[in-house]
């Protein structure tokens, strides 16, 4: 699946689309600063715990892999 703007650096993962895009736009996700994997993990954990995002635990690794591949700190 391509991001909703059709401008993403690569197709959005189905895990990201099925979880994160319930609340966030693809544009918001793709315009985040580059972060190391540990910080992306903390962000996903915060969404699940503090904001009660209904992220399926089995999708967390796929979400992290995608975020690090497109917005990981170099």
N, C-alpha and C. Protein backbone atom coordinates (compact mmCIF):
# COMPACT_ATOMS: atom_id res chain seq x y z
N UNK A 1 0.86 -1.18 0.00
CA UNK A 1 0.00 0.00 0.00
C UNK A 1 0.90 1.23 0.00
N UNK A 2 0.65 2.15 -0.89
CA UNK A 2 1.40 3.41 -0.94
C UNK A 2 0.78 4.37 0.06
N UNK A 3 1.59 5.31 0.55
CA UNK A 3 1.02 6.26 1.50
C UNK A 3 -0.12 7.03 0.84
N UNK A 4 -0.98 7.62 1.67
CA UNK A 4 -2.19 8.24 1.15
C UNK A 4 -1.92 9.40 0.20
N UNK A 5 -0.71 9.96 0.26
CA UNK A 5 -0.35 11.04 -0.64
C UNK A 5 0.33 10.52 -1.90
N UNK A 6 0.72 9.24 -1.88
CA UNK A 6 1.42 8.67 -3.01
C UNK A 6 2.84 9.19 -3.15
N UNK A 7 3.37 9.77 -2.07
CA UNK A 7 4.69 10.39 -2.16
C UNK A 7 5.69 9.78 -1.21
N UNK A 8 5.34 8.73 -0.54
CA UNK A 8 6.23 8.15 0.45
C UNK A 8 7.47 7.55 -0.17
N UNK A 9 8.52 7.40 0.62
CA UNK A 9 9.77 6.86 0.11
C UNK A 9 9.68 5.39 -0.26
N UNK A 10 8.71 4.71 0.29
CA UNK A 10 8.44 3.32 -0.05
C UNK A 10 7.02 3.01 0.43
N UNK A 11 6.45 1.93 -0.05
CA UNK A 11 5.09 1.63 0.39
C UNK A 11 4.99 1.49 1.90
N UNK A 12 3.91 1.97 2.45
CA UNK A 12 3.68 1.82 3.88
C UNK A 12 3.49 0.34 4.20
N UNK A 13 4.02 -0.07 5.32
CA UNK A 13 3.82 -1.46 5.72
C UNK A 13 2.36 -1.66 6.09
N UNK A 14 1.86 -2.86 5.89
CA UNK A 14 0.47 -3.13 6.25
C UNK A 14 0.28 -3.00 7.76
N UNK A 15 1.32 -3.30 8.55
CA UNK A 15 1.22 -3.15 10.00
C UNK A 15 1.05 -1.69 10.38
N UNK A 16 1.80 -0.82 9.73
CA UNK A 16 1.68 0.61 10.01
C UNK A 16 0.30 1.09 9.57
N UNK A 17 -0.11 0.69 8.37
CA UNK A 17 -1.41 1.10 7.86
C UNK A 17 -2.56 0.60 8.70
N UNK A 18 -2.45 -0.62 9.21
CA UNK A 18 -3.52 -1.19 9.99
C UNK A 18 -3.56 -0.73 11.44
N UNK A 19 -2.54 -0.05 11.88
CA UNK A 19 -2.48 0.39 13.27
C UNK A 19 -2.34 1.90 13.40
N UNK A 20 -1.26 2.44 12.90
CA UNK A 20 -0.94 3.86 13.11
C UNK A 20 -1.88 4.80 12.36
N UNK A 21 -2.29 4.38 11.17
CA UNK A 21 -3.12 5.28 10.36
C UNK A 21 -4.55 5.36 10.85
N UNK A 22 -4.87 4.63 11.89
CA UNK A 22 -6.20 4.77 12.50
C UNK A 22 -6.32 6.15 13.15
N UNK A 23 -5.19 6.69 13.62
CA UNK A 23 -5.19 7.99 14.30
C UNK A 23 -4.34 9.04 13.59
N UNK A 24 -3.30 8.60 12.89
CA UNK A 24 -2.35 9.52 12.25
C UNK A 24 -2.45 9.45 10.74
N UNK A 25 -2.17 10.57 10.08
CA UNK A 25 -2.10 10.57 8.62
C UNK A 25 -0.73 10.03 8.21
N UNK A 26 -0.65 9.52 6.98
CA UNK A 26 0.64 9.07 6.46
C UNK A 26 1.61 10.24 6.42
N UNK A 27 1.12 11.41 6.08
CA UNK A 27 1.97 12.60 6.02
C UNK A 27 2.60 12.88 7.39
N UNK A 28 1.83 12.77 8.45
CA UNK A 28 2.36 12.99 9.79
C UNK A 28 3.45 11.97 10.11
N UNK A 29 3.21 10.72 9.79
CA UNK A 29 4.19 9.67 10.07
C UNK A 29 5.48 9.93 9.29
N UNK A 30 5.35 10.26 8.02
CA UNK A 30 6.52 10.43 7.15
C UNK A 30 7.26 11.74 7.38
N UNK A 31 6.68 12.66 8.13
CA UNK A 31 7.34 13.93 8.41
C UNK A 31 7.93 14.00 9.81
N UNK A 32 8.09 12.86 10.45
CA UNK A 32 8.73 12.82 11.76
C UNK A 32 10.24 12.91 11.60
N UNK A 33 10.94 13.37 12.65
CA UNK A 33 12.40 13.40 12.57
C UNK A 33 12.98 11.99 12.56
N UNK A 34 14.19 11.86 12.04
CA UNK A 34 14.88 10.58 12.05
C UNK A 34 15.28 10.25 13.49
N UNK A 35 14.92 9.05 13.93
CA UNK A 35 15.20 8.63 15.30
C UNK A 35 15.87 7.27 15.29
N UNK A 36 16.69 6.98 16.30
CA UNK A 36 17.25 5.63 16.41
C UNK A 36 16.15 4.64 16.79
N UNK A 37 16.40 3.36 16.54
CA UNK A 37 15.39 2.33 16.79
C UNK A 37 14.87 2.36 18.23
N UNK A 38 15.76 2.56 19.19
CA UNK A 38 15.32 2.57 20.60
C UNK A 38 14.32 3.69 20.86
N UNK A 39 14.51 4.82 20.21
CA UNK A 39 13.57 5.92 20.41
C UNK A 39 12.25 5.65 19.70
N UNK A 40 12.30 5.01 18.52
CA UNK A 40 11.05 4.61 17.87
C UNK A 40 10.30 3.60 18.73
N UNK A 41 11.04 2.69 19.35
CA UNK A 41 10.41 1.71 20.26
C UNK A 41 9.70 2.43 21.39
N UNK A 42 10.35 3.44 21.95
CA UNK A 42 9.74 4.21 23.04
C UNK A 42 8.48 4.93 22.57
N UNK A 43 8.50 5.44 21.34
CA UNK A 43 7.32 6.12 20.79
C UNK A 43 6.16 5.14 20.61
N UNK A 44 6.44 3.98 20.06
CA UNK A 44 5.39 2.98 19.87
C UNK A 44 4.86 2.52 21.24
N UNK A 45 5.76 2.30 22.18
CA UNK A 45 5.34 1.90 23.53
C UNK A 45 4.46 2.98 24.16
N UNK A 46 4.83 4.25 23.97
CA UNK A 46 4.04 5.36 24.51
C UNK A 46 2.64 5.38 23.89
N UNK A 47 2.55 5.15 22.60
CA UNK A 47 1.24 5.13 21.94
C UNK A 47 0.37 4.01 22.53
N UNK A 48 0.99 2.87 22.80
CA UNK A 48 0.24 1.72 23.34
C UNK A 48 -0.16 1.92 24.79
N UNK A 49 0.72 2.49 25.61
CA UNK A 49 0.45 2.57 27.04
C UNK A 49 -0.20 3.88 27.45
N UNK A 50 0.41 5.00 27.11
CA UNK A 50 -0.12 6.30 27.55
C UNK A 50 -1.40 6.68 26.80
N UNK A 51 -1.42 6.39 25.49
CA UNK A 51 -2.57 6.80 24.67
C UNK A 51 -3.53 5.67 24.36
N UNK A 52 -3.20 4.47 24.85
CA UNK A 52 -4.08 3.30 24.66
C UNK A 52 -4.38 2.99 23.20
N UNK A 53 -3.39 3.22 22.34
CA UNK A 53 -3.57 2.89 20.92
C UNK A 53 -3.76 1.39 20.78
N UNK A 54 -4.73 0.98 19.98
CA UNK A 54 -5.00 -0.45 19.83
C UNK A 54 -4.05 -1.12 18.84
N UNK A 55 -2.75 -1.01 19.13
CA UNK A 55 -1.73 -1.61 18.27
C UNK A 55 -1.60 -3.08 18.64
N UNK A 56 -1.76 -3.94 17.65
CA UNK A 56 -1.64 -5.37 17.87
C UNK A 56 -0.18 -5.68 18.23
N UNK A 57 0.08 -6.31 19.36
CA UNK A 57 1.46 -6.61 19.76
C UNK A 57 2.26 -7.35 18.69
N UNK A 58 1.61 -8.18 17.90
CA UNK A 58 2.33 -8.91 16.86
C UNK A 58 2.78 -8.00 15.72
N UNK A 59 2.26 -6.78 15.65
CA UNK A 59 2.64 -5.84 14.59
C UNK A 59 3.76 -4.88 15.00
N UNK A 60 4.13 -4.88 16.27
CA UNK A 60 5.11 -3.89 16.76
C UNK A 60 6.44 -4.00 16.02
N UNK A 61 6.97 -5.21 15.83
CA UNK A 61 8.26 -5.36 15.15
C UNK A 61 8.19 -4.85 13.71
N UNK A 62 7.11 -5.14 13.01
CA UNK A 62 6.95 -4.67 11.63
C UNK A 62 6.85 -3.15 11.57
N UNK A 63 6.15 -2.56 12.52
CA UNK A 63 6.04 -1.09 12.59
C UNK A 63 7.42 -0.49 12.82
N UNK A 64 8.15 -1.04 13.78
CA UNK A 64 9.50 -0.54 14.06
C UNK A 64 10.41 -0.69 12.86
N UNK A 65 10.36 -1.84 12.20
CA UNK A 65 11.21 -2.06 11.02
C UNK A 65 10.93 -1.01 9.95
N UNK A 66 9.66 -0.72 9.74
CA UNK A 66 9.31 0.28 8.72
C UNK A 66 9.80 1.66 9.15
N UNK A 67 9.51 2.07 10.38
CA UNK A 67 9.90 3.40 10.83
C UNK A 67 11.43 3.58 10.77
N UNK A 68 12.16 2.57 11.17
CA UNK A 68 13.62 2.67 11.12
C UNK A 68 14.11 2.70 9.67
N UNK A 69 13.44 1.99 8.78
CA UNK A 69 13.89 1.97 7.37
C UNK A 69 13.66 3.31 6.68
N UNK A 70 12.60 4.02 7.07
CA UNK A 70 12.34 5.31 6.38
C UNK A 70 12.68 6.53 7.23
N UNK A 71 12.67 6.39 8.55
CA UNK A 71 12.93 7.54 9.43
C UNK A 71 13.91 7.20 10.54
N UNK A 72 14.80 6.27 10.28
CA UNK A 72 15.82 5.91 11.27
C UNK A 72 16.98 6.87 11.23
N UNK A 73 17.58 7.13 12.37
CA UNK A 73 18.76 8.00 12.44
C UNK A 73 19.91 7.33 11.71
N UNK A 74 20.58 8.09 10.94
CA UNK A 74 21.72 7.56 10.15
C UNK A 74 23.01 7.68 10.94
